[in-house]
Amino acid sequence: MMYRTGDYVYPTDLTRRFLCRVAATESVRIDTGVAQILRLEALEGPWPAGTLLVRLDDRVRQVWRTGRRARRPGATVTAVDQRERIPA
Protein backbone atom coordinates (compact mmCIF):
# COMPACT_ATOMS: atom_id res chain seq x y z
CA MET A 1 0.00 0.00 0.00
CA MET A 2 1.26 3.46 -0.87
CA TYR A 3 0.39 6.16 1.65
CA ARG A 4 -0.41 9.75 0.70
CA THR A 5 -0.10 13.01 2.57
CA GLY A 6 -3.28 13.49 4.58
CA ASP A 7 -3.98 9.79 5.20
CA TYR A 8 -4.82 8.91 8.81
CA VAL A 9 -2.88 6.04 10.41
CA TYR A 10 -2.02 4.37 13.70
CA PRO A 11 1.62 3.44 14.38
CA THR A 12 1.62 -0.29 15.18
CA ASP A 13 4.72 -0.32 17.37
CA LEU A 14 3.24 1.67 20.28
CA THR A 15 1.51 0.26 23.35
CA ARG A 16 -1.85 1.70 22.25
CA ARG A 17 -3.41 3.37 19.22
CA PHE A 18 -2.53 7.04 18.74
CA LEU A 19 -4.11 8.68 15.71
CA CYS A 20 -1.68 10.36 13.33
CA ARG A 21 -1.92 12.09 9.96
CA VAL A 22 0.69 11.47 7.27
CA ALA A 23 2.48 14.81 6.90
CA ALA A 24 5.06 13.72 4.31
CA THR A 25 6.17 10.61 2.45
CA GLU A 26 9.44 9.54 0.86
CA SER A 27 9.76 6.43 -1.29
CA VAL A 28 12.97 4.42 -1.19
CA ARG A 29 14.03 1.38 -3.21
CA ILE A 30 14.86 -1.74 -1.25
CA ASP A 31 15.73 -5.30 -2.33
CA THR A 32 12.09 -6.40 -2.28
CA GLY A 33 10.63 -3.33 -4.04
CA VAL A 34 9.71 0.09 -2.72
CA ALA A 35 9.17 1.20 0.89
CA GLN A 36 7.98 4.51 2.24
CA ILE A 37 9.39 6.60 5.04
CA LEU A 38 6.45 8.42 6.64
CA ARG A 39 6.52 11.57 8.72
CA LEU A 40 3.45 11.44 10.95
CA GLU A 41 1.78 14.36 12.67
CA ALA A 42 0.70 13.05 16.08
CA LEU A 43 -2.95 14.04 16.65
CA GLU A 44 -3.21 12.11 19.92
CA GLY A 45 -0.80 10.92 22.55
CA PRO A 46 1.63 12.16 25.15
CA TRP A 47 3.62 14.34 22.75
CA PRO A 48 3.52 18.14 22.56
CA ALA A 49 1.53 19.72 19.70
CA GLY A 50 3.46 19.70 16.44
CA THR A 51 5.36 16.48 17.20
CA LEU A 52 6.33 14.47 14.12
CA LEU A 53 6.90 10.72 14.36
CA VAL A 54 8.87 8.87 11.68
CA ARG A 55 7.88 5.33 10.70
CA LEU A 56 8.37 2.94 7.82
CA ASP A 57 5.18 2.10 5.96
CA ASP A 58 5.07 -1.43 7.38
CA ARG A 59 4.88 0.02 10.92
CA VAL A 60 1.53 1.80 10.49
CA ARG A 61 -2.07 0.77 9.92
CA GLN A 62 -4.32 2.90 7.75
CA VAL A 63 -7.51 4.30 9.26
CA TRP A 64 -8.67 6.70 6.53
CA ARG A 65 -7.54 7.65 3.05
CA THR A 66 -8.20 11.25 2.15
CA GLY A 67 -9.01 12.67 -1.25
CA ARG A 68 -8.55 16.27 -2.28
CA ARG A 69 -9.85 17.71 1.00
CA ALA A 70 -8.64 16.33 4.31
CA ARG A 71 -10.89 16.60 7.35
CA ARG A 72 -10.57 15.63 10.98
CA PRO A 73 -11.76 12.13 11.94
CA GLY A 74 -15.43 12.01 12.81
CA ALA A 75 -16.38 14.63 10.20
CA THR A 76 -19.32 13.86 7.93
CA VAL A 77 -18.21 11.83 4.92
CA THR A 78 -19.37 13.25 1.58
CA ALA A 79 -18.71 12.40 -2.05
CA VAL A 80 -16.52 15.52 -2.27
CA ASP A 81 -14.17 14.11 0.40
CA GLN A 82 -13.50 10.96 -1.66
CA ARG A 83 -12.60 9.29 1.63
CA GLU A 84 -12.37 5.52 1.91
CA ARG A 85 -13.07 4.13 5.38
CA ILE A 86 -10.65 1.31 6.13
CA PRO A 87 -11.99 -1.26 8.66
CA ALA A 88 -10.00 -1.34 11.92
PDB file of N, CA and C in Angstrom:
ATOM      1  N   MET A   1       0.841  -1.177   0.000  1.00  0.00           N
ATOM      2  CA  MET A   1       0.000   0.000   0.000  1.00  0.00           C
ATOM      3  C   MET A   1       0.883   1.236   0.000  1.00  0.00           C
ATOM      4  N   MET A   2       0.537   2.188  -0.822  1.00  0.00           N
ATOM      5  CA  MET A   2       1.261   3.460  -0.865  1.00  0.00           C
ATOM      6  C   MET A   2       0.436   4.505  -0.113  1.00  0.00           C
ATOM      7  N   TYR A   3       1.062   5.141   0.853  1.00  0.00           N
ATOM      8  CA  TYR A   3       0.393   6.161   1.648  1.00  0.00           C
ATOM      9  C   TYR A   3       0.550   7.512   0.987  1.00  0.00           C
ATOM     10  N   ARG A   4      -0.422   8.394   1.247  1.00  0.00           N
ATOM     11  CA  ARG A   4      -0.407   9.746   0.703  1.00  0.00           C
ATOM     12  C   ARG A   4      -0.492  10.743   1.850  1.00  0.00           C
ATOM     13  N   THR A   5       0.027  11.930   1.604  1.00  0.00           N
ATOM     14  CA  THR A   5      -0.098  13.010   2.568  1.00  0.00           C
ATOM     15  C   THR A   5      -1.575  13.213   2.879  1.00  0.00           C
ATOM     16  N   GLY A   6      -1.896  13.303   4.155  1.00  0.00           N
ATOM     17  CA  GLY A   6      -3.277  13.491   4.582  1.00  0.00           C
ATOM     18  C   GLY A   6      -3.954  12.219   5.048  1.00  0.00           C
ATOM     19  N   ASP A   7      -3.401  11.046   4.722  1.00  0.00           N
ATOM     20  CA  ASP A   7      -3.982   9.791   5.200  1.00  0.00           C
ATOM     21  C   ASP A   7      -3.873   9.740   6.725  1.00  0.00           C
ATOM     22  N   TYR A   8      -4.834   9.089   7.356  1.00  0.00           N
ATOM     23  CA  TYR A   8      -4.823   8.908   8.805  1.00  0.00           C
ATOM     24  C   TYR A   8      -4.384   7.489   9.124  1.00  0.00           C
ATOM     25  N   VAL A   9      -3.463   7.347  10.075  1.00  0.00           N
ATOM     26  CA  VAL A   9      -2.883   6.045  10.406  1.00  0.00           C
ATOM     27  C   VAL A   9      -2.682   5.924  11.910  1.00  0.00           C
ATOM     28  N   TYR A  10      -2.468   4.678  12.345  1.00  0.00           N
ATOM     29  CA  TYR A  10      -2.019   4.374  13.696  1.00  0.00           C
ATOM     30  C   TYR A  10      -0.658   3.720  13.592  1.00  0.00           C
ATOM     31  N   PRO A  11       0.368   4.193  14.303  1.00  0.00           N
ATOM     32  CA  PRO A  11       1.616   3.438  14.379  1.00  0.00           C
ATOM     33  C   PRO A  11       1.339   2.114  15.095  1.00  0.00           C
ATOM     34  N   THR A  12       1.898   1.027  14.608  1.00  0.00           N
ATOM     35  CA  THR A  12       1.617  -0.290  15.185  1.00  0.00           C
ATOM     36  C   THR A  12       2.625  -0.709  16.246  1.00  0.00           C
ATOM     37  N   ASP A  13       3.672   0.064  16.431  1.00  0.00           N
ATOM     38  CA  ASP A  13       4.719  -0.323  17.366  1.00  0.00           C
ATOM     39  C   ASP A  13       4.577   0.339  18.738  1.00  0.00           C
ATOM     40  N   LEU A  14       3.466   1.016  18.990  1.00  0.00           N
ATOM     41  CA  LEU A  14       3.244   1.667  20.275  1.00  0.00           C
ATOM     42  C   LEU A  14       2.334   0.807  21.141  1.00  0.00           C
ATOM     43  N   THR A  15       2.290   1.089  22.424  1.00  0.00           N
ATOM     44  CA  THR A  15       1.514   0.265  23.349  1.00  0.00           C
ATOM     45  C   THR A  15       0.008   0.414  23.182  1.00  0.00           C
ATOM     46  N   ARG A  16      -0.435   1.509  22.565  1.00  0.00           N
ATOM     47  CA  ARG A  16      -1.848   1.696  22.249  1.00  0.00           C
ATOM     48  C   ARG A  16      -1.976   2.513  20.976  1.00  0.00           C
ATOM     49  N   ARG A  17      -3.192   2.633  20.465  1.00  0.00           N
ATOM     50  CA  ARG A  17      -3.409   3.374  19.218  1.00  0.00           C
ATOM     51  C   ARG A  17      -3.391   4.875  19.474  1.00  0.00           C
ATOM     52  N   PHE A  18      -2.561   5.579  18.726  1.00  0.00           N
ATOM     53  CA  PHE A  18      -2.533   7.036  18.740  1.00  0.00           C
ATOM     54  C   PHE A  18      -2.723   7.494  17.301  1.00  0.00           C
ATOM     55  N   LEU A  19      -3.792   8.241  17.058  1.00  0.00           N
ATOM     56  CA  LEU A  19      -4.108   8.683  15.714  1.00  0.00           C
ATOM     57  C   LEU A  19      -3.077   9.682  15.212  1.00  0.00           C
ATOM     58  N   CYS A  20      -2.634   9.477  13.973  1.00  0.00           N
ATOM     59  CA  CYS A  20      -1.678  10.362  13.329  1.00  0.00           C
ATOM     60  C   CYS A  20      -2.132  10.642  11.903  1.00  0.00           C
ATOM     61  N   ARG A  21      -1.673  11.755  11.359  1.00  0.00           N
ATOM     62  CA  ARG A  21      -1.921  12.094   9.959  1.00  0.00           C
ATOM     63  C   ARG A  21      -0.577  12.074   9.239  1.00  0.00           C
ATOM     64  N   VAL A  22      -0.543  11.502   8.054  1.00  0.00           N
ATOM     65  CA  VAL A  22       0.689  11.470   7.270  1.00  0.00           C
ATOM     66  C   VAL A  22       0.977  12.896   6.795  1.00  0.00           C
ATOM     67  N   ALA A  23       2.097  13.453   7.255  1.00  0.00           N
ATOM     68  CA  ALA A  23       2.482  14.814   6.904  1.00  0.00           C
ATOM     69  C   ALA A  23       3.380  14.845   5.667  1.00  0.00           C
ATOM     70  N   ALA A  24       4.162  13.788   5.471  1.00  0.00           N
ATOM     71  CA  ALA A  24       5.063  13.720   4.313  1.00  0.00           C
ATOM     72  C   ALA A  24       5.444  12.268   4.064  1.00  0.00           C
ATOM     73  N   THR A  25       5.739  11.965   2.811  1.00  0.00           N
ATOM     74  CA  THR A  25       6.171  10.613   2.447  1.00  0.00           C
ATOM     75  C   THR A  25       7.440  10.697   1.603  1.00  0.00           C
ATOM     76  N   GLU A  26       8.244   9.665   1.705  1.00  0.00           N
ATOM     77  CA  GLU A  26       9.436   9.544   0.860  1.00  0.00           C
ATOM     78  C   GLU A  26       9.548   8.077   0.471  1.00  0.00           C
ATOM     79  N   SER A  27       9.623   7.813  -0.812  1.00  0.00           N
ATOM     80  CA  SER A  27       9.755   6.434  -1.289  1.00  0.00           C
ATOM     81  C   SER A  27      11.228   6.099  -1.476  1.00  0.00           C
ATOM     82  N   VAL A  28      11.598   4.895  -1.049  1.00  0.00           N
ATOM     83  CA  VAL A  28      12.974   4.423  -1.194  1.00  0.00           C
ATOM     84  C   VAL A  28      12.952   3.016  -1.783  1.00  0.00           C
ATOM     85  N   ARG A  29      13.912   2.717  -2.628  1.00  0.00           N
ATOM     86  CA  ARG A  29      14.028   1.381  -3.211  1.00  0.00           C
ATOM     87  C   ARG A  29      14.770   0.475  -2.237  1.00  0.00           C
ATOM     88  N   ILE A  30      14.204  -0.725  -2.065  1.00  0.00           N
ATOM     89  CA  ILE A  30      14.856  -1.744  -1.250  1.00  0.00           C
ATOM     90  C   ILE A  30      14.907  -3.025  -2.076  1.00  0.00           C
ATOM     91  N   ASP A  31      15.568  -4.049  -1.577  1.00  0.00           N
ATOM     92  CA  ASP A  31      15.726  -5.298  -2.329  1.00  0.00           C
ATOM     93  C   ASP A  31      14.401  -5.900  -2.784  1.00  0.00           C
ATOM     94  N   THR A  32      13.375  -5.766  -1.967  1.00  0.00           N
ATOM     95  CA  THR A  32      12.090  -6.396  -2.284  1.00  0.00           C
ATOM     96  C   THR A  32      11.106  -5.466  -2.985  1.00  0.00           C
ATOM     97  N   GLY A  33      11.516  -4.267  -3.336  1.00  0.00           N
ATOM     98  CA  GLY A  33      10.630  -3.331  -4.036  1.00  0.00           C
ATOM     99  C   GLY A  33      10.805  -1.912  -3.548  1.00  0.00           C
ATOM    100  N   VAL A  34       9.699  -1.304  -3.165  1.00  0.00           N
ATOM    101  CA  VAL A  34       9.707   0.091  -2.716  1.00  0.00           C
ATOM    102  C   VAL A  34       9.097   0.153  -1.318  1.00  0.00           C
ATOM    103  N   ALA A  35       9.708   0.940  -0.453  1.00  0.00           N
ATOM    104  CA  ALA A  35       9.173   1.199   0.885  1.00  0.00           C
ATOM    105  C   ALA A  35       8.991   2.702   1.023  1.00  0.00           C
ATOM    106  N   GLN A  36       8.187   3.090   1.983  1.00  0.00           N
ATOM    107  CA  GLN A  36       7.984   4.510   2.244  1.00  0.00           C
ATOM    108  C   GLN A  36       8.447   4.860   3.653  1.00  0.00           C
ATOM    109  N   ILE A  37       9.078   6.006   3.753  1.00  0.00           N
ATOM    110  CA  ILE A  37       9.389   6.604   5.042  1.00  0.00           C
ATOM    111  C   ILE A  37       8.306   7.656   5.263  1.00  0.00           C
ATOM    112  N   LEU A  38       7.579   7.540   6.369  1.00  0.00           N
ATOM    113  CA  LEU A  38       6.445   8.419   6.638  1.00  0.00           C
ATOM    114  C   LEU A  38       6.749   9.346   7.801  1.00  0.00           C
ATOM    115  N   ARG A  39       6.478  10.610   7.620  1.00  0.00           N
ATOM    116  CA  ARG A  39       6.516  11.568   8.723  1.00  0.00           C
ATOM    117  C   ARG A  39       5.073  11.750   9.157  1.00  0.00           C
ATOM    118  N   LEU A  40       4.812  11.450  10.422  1.00  0.00           N
ATOM    119  CA  LEU A  40       3.452  11.436  10.950  1.00  0.00           C
ATOM    120  C   LEU A  40       3.237  12.575  11.930  1.00  0.00           C
ATOM    121  N   GLU A  41       2.171  13.320  11.730  1.00  0.00           N
ATOM    122  CA  GLU A  41       1.783  14.362  12.673  1.00  0.00           C
ATOM    123  C   GLU A  41       0.933  13.695  13.746  1.00  0.00           C
ATOM    124  N   ALA A  42       1.418  13.687  14.973  1.00  0.00           N
ATOM    125  CA  ALA A  42       0.696  13.053  16.083  1.00  0.00           C
ATOM    126  C   ALA A  42      -0.518  13.908  16.440  1.00  0.00           C
ATOM    127  N   LEU A  43      -1.717  13.331  16.301  1.00  0.00           N
ATOM    128  CA  LEU A  43      -2.951  14.038  16.646  1.00  0.00           C
ATOM    129  C   LEU A  43      -3.425  13.669  18.040  1.00  0.00           C
ATOM    130  N   GLU A  44      -2.894  12.578  18.570  1.00  0.00           N
ATOM    131  CA  GLU A  44      -3.210  12.113  19.924  1.00  0.00           C
ATOM    132  C   GLU A  44      -1.911  11.654  20.571  1.00  0.00           C
ATOM    133  N   GLY A  45      -1.951  11.498  21.872  1.00  0.00           N
ATOM    134  CA  GLY A  45      -0.802  10.924  22.548  1.00  0.00           C
ATOM    135  C   GLY A  45      -0.125  11.872  23.506  1.00  0.00           C
ATOM    136  N   PRO A  46       0.944  11.407  24.109  1.00  0.00           N
ATOM    137  CA  PRO A  46       1.626  12.164  25.153  1.00  0.00           C
ATOM    138  C   PRO A  46       2.586  13.231  24.631  1.00  0.00           C
ATOM    139  N   TRP A  47       2.654  13.419  23.324  1.00  0.00           N
ATOM    140  CA  TRP A  47       3.622  14.337  22.748  1.00  0.00           C
ATOM    141  C   TRP A  47       3.081  15.755  22.676  1.00  0.00           C
ATOM    142  N   PRO A  48       3.970  16.756  22.707  1.00  0.00           N
ATOM    143  CA  PRO A  48       3.517  18.140  22.558  1.00  0.00           C
ATOM    144  C   PRO A  48       2.963  18.377  21.146  1.00  0.00           C
ATOM    145  N   ALA A  49       2.096  19.371  21.013  1.00  0.00           N
ATOM    146  CA  ALA A  49       1.533  19.721  19.703  1.00  0.00           C
ATOM    147  C   ALA A  49       2.664  19.962  18.707  1.00  0.00           C
ATOM    148  N   GLY A  50       2.464  19.499  17.480  1.00  0.00           N
ATOM    149  CA  GLY A  50       3.465  19.695  16.435  1.00  0.00           C
ATOM    150  C   GLY A  50       4.498  18.582  16.357  1.00  0.00           C
ATOM    151  N   THR A  51       4.398  17.581  17.221  1.00  0.00           N
ATOM    152  CA  THR A  51       5.358  16.479  17.204  1.00  0.00           C
ATOM    153  C   THR A  51       5.203  15.660  15.931  1.00  0.00           C
ATOM    154  N   LEU A  52       6.319  15.346  15.285  1.00  0.00           N
ATOM    155  CA  LEU A  52       6.332  14.468  14.121  1.00  0.00           C
ATOM    156  C   LEU A  52       6.997  13.152  14.504  1.00  0.00           C
ATOM    157  N   LEU A  53       6.336  12.053  14.165  1.00  0.00           N
ATOM    158  CA  LEU A  53       6.899  10.720  14.361  1.00  0.00           C
ATOM    159  C   LEU A  53       7.342  10.218  12.996  1.00  0.00           C
ATOM    160  N   VAL A  54       8.391   9.427  12.947  1.00  0.00           N
ATOM    161  CA  VAL A  54       8.874   8.872  11.684  1.00  0.00           C
ATOM    162  C   VAL A  54       8.743   7.356  11.757  1.00  0.00           C
ATOM    163  N   ARG A  55       8.083   6.781  10.755  1.00  0.00           N
ATOM    164  CA  ARG A  55       7.883   5.333  10.704  1.00  0.00           C
ATOM    165  C   ARG A  55       8.020   4.845   9.280  1.00  0.00           C
ATOM    166  N   LEU A  56       8.436   3.590   9.125  1.00  0.00           N
ATOM    167  CA  LEU A  56       8.366   2.936   7.822  1.00  0.00           C
ATOM    168  C   LEU A  56       6.918   2.539   7.572  1.00  0.00           C
ATOM    169  N   ASP A  57       6.564   2.402   6.305  1.00  0.00           N
ATOM    170  CA  ASP A  57       5.176   2.105   5.956  1.00  0.00           C
ATOM    171  C   ASP A  57       4.659   0.799   6.542  1.00  0.00           C
ATOM    172  N   ASP A  58       5.540  -0.162   6.809  1.00  0.00           N
ATOM    173  CA  ASP A  58       5.071  -1.431   7.382  1.00  0.00           C
ATOM    174  C   ASP A  58       4.865  -1.350   8.896  1.00  0.00           C
ATOM    175  N   ARG A  59       5.058  -0.183   9.484  1.00  0.00           N
ATOM    176  CA  ARG A  59       4.882   0.018  10.922  1.00  0.00           C
ATOM    177  C   ARG A  59       3.664   0.886  11.239  1.00  0.00           C
ATOM    178  N   VAL A  60       2.763   1.049  10.256  1.00  0.00           N
ATOM    179  CA  VAL A  60       1.526   1.796  10.486  1.00  0.00           C
ATOM    180  C   VAL A  60       0.350   1.017   9.925  1.00  0.00           C
ATOM    181  N   ARG A  61      -0.832   1.356  10.430  1.00  0.00           N
ATOM    182  CA  ARG A  61      -2.071   0.766   9.919  1.00  0.00           C
ATOM    183  C   ARG A  61      -2.981   1.908   9.492  1.00  0.00           C
ATOM    184  N   GLN A  62      -3.490   1.824   8.288  1.00  0.00           N
ATOM    185  CA  GLN A  62      -4.321   2.897   7.753  1.00  0.00           C
ATOM    186  C   GLN A  62      -5.703   2.895   8.398  1.00  0.00           C
ATOM    187  N   VAL A  63      -6.178   4.105   8.701  1.00  0.00           N
ATOM    188  CA  VAL A  63      -7.514   4.296   9.257  1.00  0.00           C
ATOM    189  C   VAL A  63      -8.408   4.916   8.190  1.00  0.00           C
ATOM    190  N   TRP A  64      -7.944   5.968   7.558  1.00  0.00           N
ATOM    191  CA  TRP A  64      -8.667   6.703   6.530  1.00  0.00           C
ATOM    192  C   TRP A  64      -7.723   7.022   5.400  1.00  0.00           C
ATOM    193  N   ARG A  65      -8.266   7.103   4.201  1.00  0.00           N
ATOM    194  CA  ARG A  65      -7.541   7.653   3.051  1.00  0.00           C
ATOM    195  C   ARG A  65      -8.282   8.904   2.641  1.00  0.00           C
ATOM    196  N   THR A  66      -7.562   9.993   2.506  1.00  0.00           N
ATOM    197  CA  THR A  66      -8.204  11.254   2.150  1.00  0.00           C
ATOM    198  C   THR A  66      -8.086  11.499   0.655  1.00  0.00           C
ATOM    199  N   GLY A  67      -9.034  12.245   0.149  1.00  0.00           N
ATOM    200  CA  GLY A  67      -9.010  12.668  -1.248  1.00  0.00           C
ATOM    201  C   GLY A  67      -8.407  14.053  -1.344  1.00  0.00           C
ATOM    202  N   ARG A  68      -9.069  14.917  -2.078  1.00  0.00           N
ATOM    203  CA  ARG A  68      -8.553  16.273  -2.276  1.00  0.00           C
ATOM    204  C   ARG A  68      -8.633  17.110  -1.017  1.00  0.00           C
ATOM    205  N   ARG A  69      -9.650  16.896  -0.198  1.00  0.00           N
ATOM    206  CA  ARG A  69      -9.851  17.708   1.000  1.00  0.00           C
ATOM    207  C   ARG A  69      -9.750  16.838   2.235  1.00  0.00           C
ATOM    208  N   ALA A  70      -8.796  17.106   3.077  1.00  0.00           N
ATOM    209  CA  ALA A  70      -8.640  16.331   4.309  1.00  0.00           C
ATOM    210  C   ALA A  70      -9.483  16.962   5.409  1.00  0.00           C
ATOM    211  N   ARG A  71     -10.116  16.134   6.209  1.00  0.00           N
ATOM    212  CA  ARG A  71     -10.892  16.598   7.355  1.00  0.00           C
ATOM    213  C   ARG A  71     -10.500  15.800   8.577  1.00  0.00           C
ATOM    214  N   ARG A  72     -10.844  16.330   9.719  1.00  0.00           N
ATOM    215  CA  ARG A  72     -10.575  15.631  10.979  1.00  0.00           C
ATOM    216  C   ARG A  72     -11.428  14.375  11.065  1.00  0.00           C
ATOM    217  N   PRO A  73     -10.947  13.336  11.742  1.00  0.00           N
ATOM    218  CA  PRO A  73     -11.760  12.130  11.945  1.00  0.00           C
ATOM    219  C   PRO A  73     -13.079  12.477  12.620  1.00  0.00           C
ATOM    220  N   GLY A  74     -14.127  11.771  12.232  1.00  0.00           N
ATOM    221  CA  GLY A  74     -15.432  12.013  12.806  1.00  0.00           C
ATOM    222  C   GLY A  74     -16.262  13.002  12.008  1.00  0.00           C
ATOM    223  N   ALA A  75     -15.633  13.688  11.030  1.00  0.00           N
ATOM    224  CA  ALA A  75     -16.377  14.626  10.199  1.00  0.00           C
ATOM    225  C   ALA A  75     -17.315  13.842   9.284  1.00  0.00           C
ATOM    226  N   THR A  76     -18.365  14.502   8.824  1.00  0.00           N
ATOM    227  CA  THR A  76     -19.316  13.859   7.927  1.00  0.00           C
ATOM    228  C   THR A  76     -18.635  13.509   6.614  1.00  0.00           C
ATOM    229  N   VAL A  77     -18.821  12.285   6.164  1.00  0.00           N
ATOM    230  CA  VAL A  77     -18.213  11.834   4.915  1.00  0.00           C
ATOM    231  C   VAL A  77     -19.144  12.206   3.772  1.00  0.00           C
ATOM    232  N   THR A  78     -18.595  12.880   2.768  1.00  0.00           N
ATOM    233  CA  THR A  78     -19.374  13.246   1.584  1.00  0.00           C
ATOM    234  C   THR A  78     -18.642  12.768   0.346  1.00  0.00           C
ATOM    235  N   ALA A  79     -19.330  12.808  -0.788  1.00  0.00           N
ATOM    236  CA  ALA A  79     -18.709  12.405  -2.052  1.00  0.00           C
ATOM    237  C   ALA A  79     -17.532  13.312  -2.391  1.00  0.00           C
ATOM    238  N   VAL A  80     -17.604  14.575  -1.979  1.00  0.00           N
ATOM    239  CA  VAL A  80     -16.520  15.516  -2.268  1.00  0.00           C
ATOM    240  C   VAL A  80     -15.234  15.095  -1.572  1.00  0.00           C
ATOM    241  N   ASP A  81     -15.354  14.519  -0.360  1.00  0.00           N
ATOM    242  CA  ASP A  81     -14.175  14.110   0.397  1.00  0.00           C
ATOM    243  C   ASP A  81     -13.419  12.980  -0.283  1.00  0.00           C
ATOM    244  N   GLN A  82     -14.107  12.137  -1.009  1.00  0.00           N
ATOM    245  CA  GLN A  82     -13.497  10.963  -1.658  1.00  0.00           C
ATOM    246  C   GLN A  82     -12.734  10.143  -0.628  1.00  0.00           C
ATOM    247  N   ARG A  83     -13.278   9.991   0.558  1.00  0.00           N
ATOM    248  CA  ARG A  83     -12.599   9.287   1.632  1.00  0.00           C
ATOM    249  C   ARG A  83     -13.036   7.827   1.635  1.00  0.00           C
ATOM    250  N   GLU A  84     -12.084   6.940   1.784  1.00  0.00           N
ATOM    251  CA  GLU A  84     -12.375   5.521   1.908  1.00  0.00           C
ATOM    252  C   GLU A  84     -12.184   5.123   3.355  1.00  0.00           C
ATOM    253  N   ARG A  85     -13.195   4.576   3.984  1.00  0.00           N
ATOM    254  CA  ARG A  85     -13.075   4.127   5.376  1.00  0.00           C
ATOM    255  C   ARG A  85     -12.441   2.742   5.351  1.00  0.00           C
ATOM    256  N   ILE A  86     -11.351   2.580   6.062  1.00  0.00           N
ATOM    257  CA  ILE A  86     -10.654   1.310   6.132  1.00  0.00           C
ATOM    258  C   ILE A  86     -11.059   0.643   7.448  1.00  0.00           C
ATOM    259  N   PRO A  87     -11.585  -0.598   7.416  1.00  0.00           N
ATOM    260  CA  PRO A  87     -11.989  -1.261   8.660  1.00  0.00           C
ATOM    261  C   PRO A  87     -10.814  -1.409   9.618  1.00  0.00           C
ATOM    262  N   ALA A  88     -11.075  -1.213  10.905  1.00  0.00           N
ATOM    263  CA  ALA A  88     -10.004  -1.339  11.919  1.00  0.00           C
ATOM    264  C   ALA A  88      -9.753  -2.786  12.246  1.00  0.00           C
TER     265      ALA A  88
END
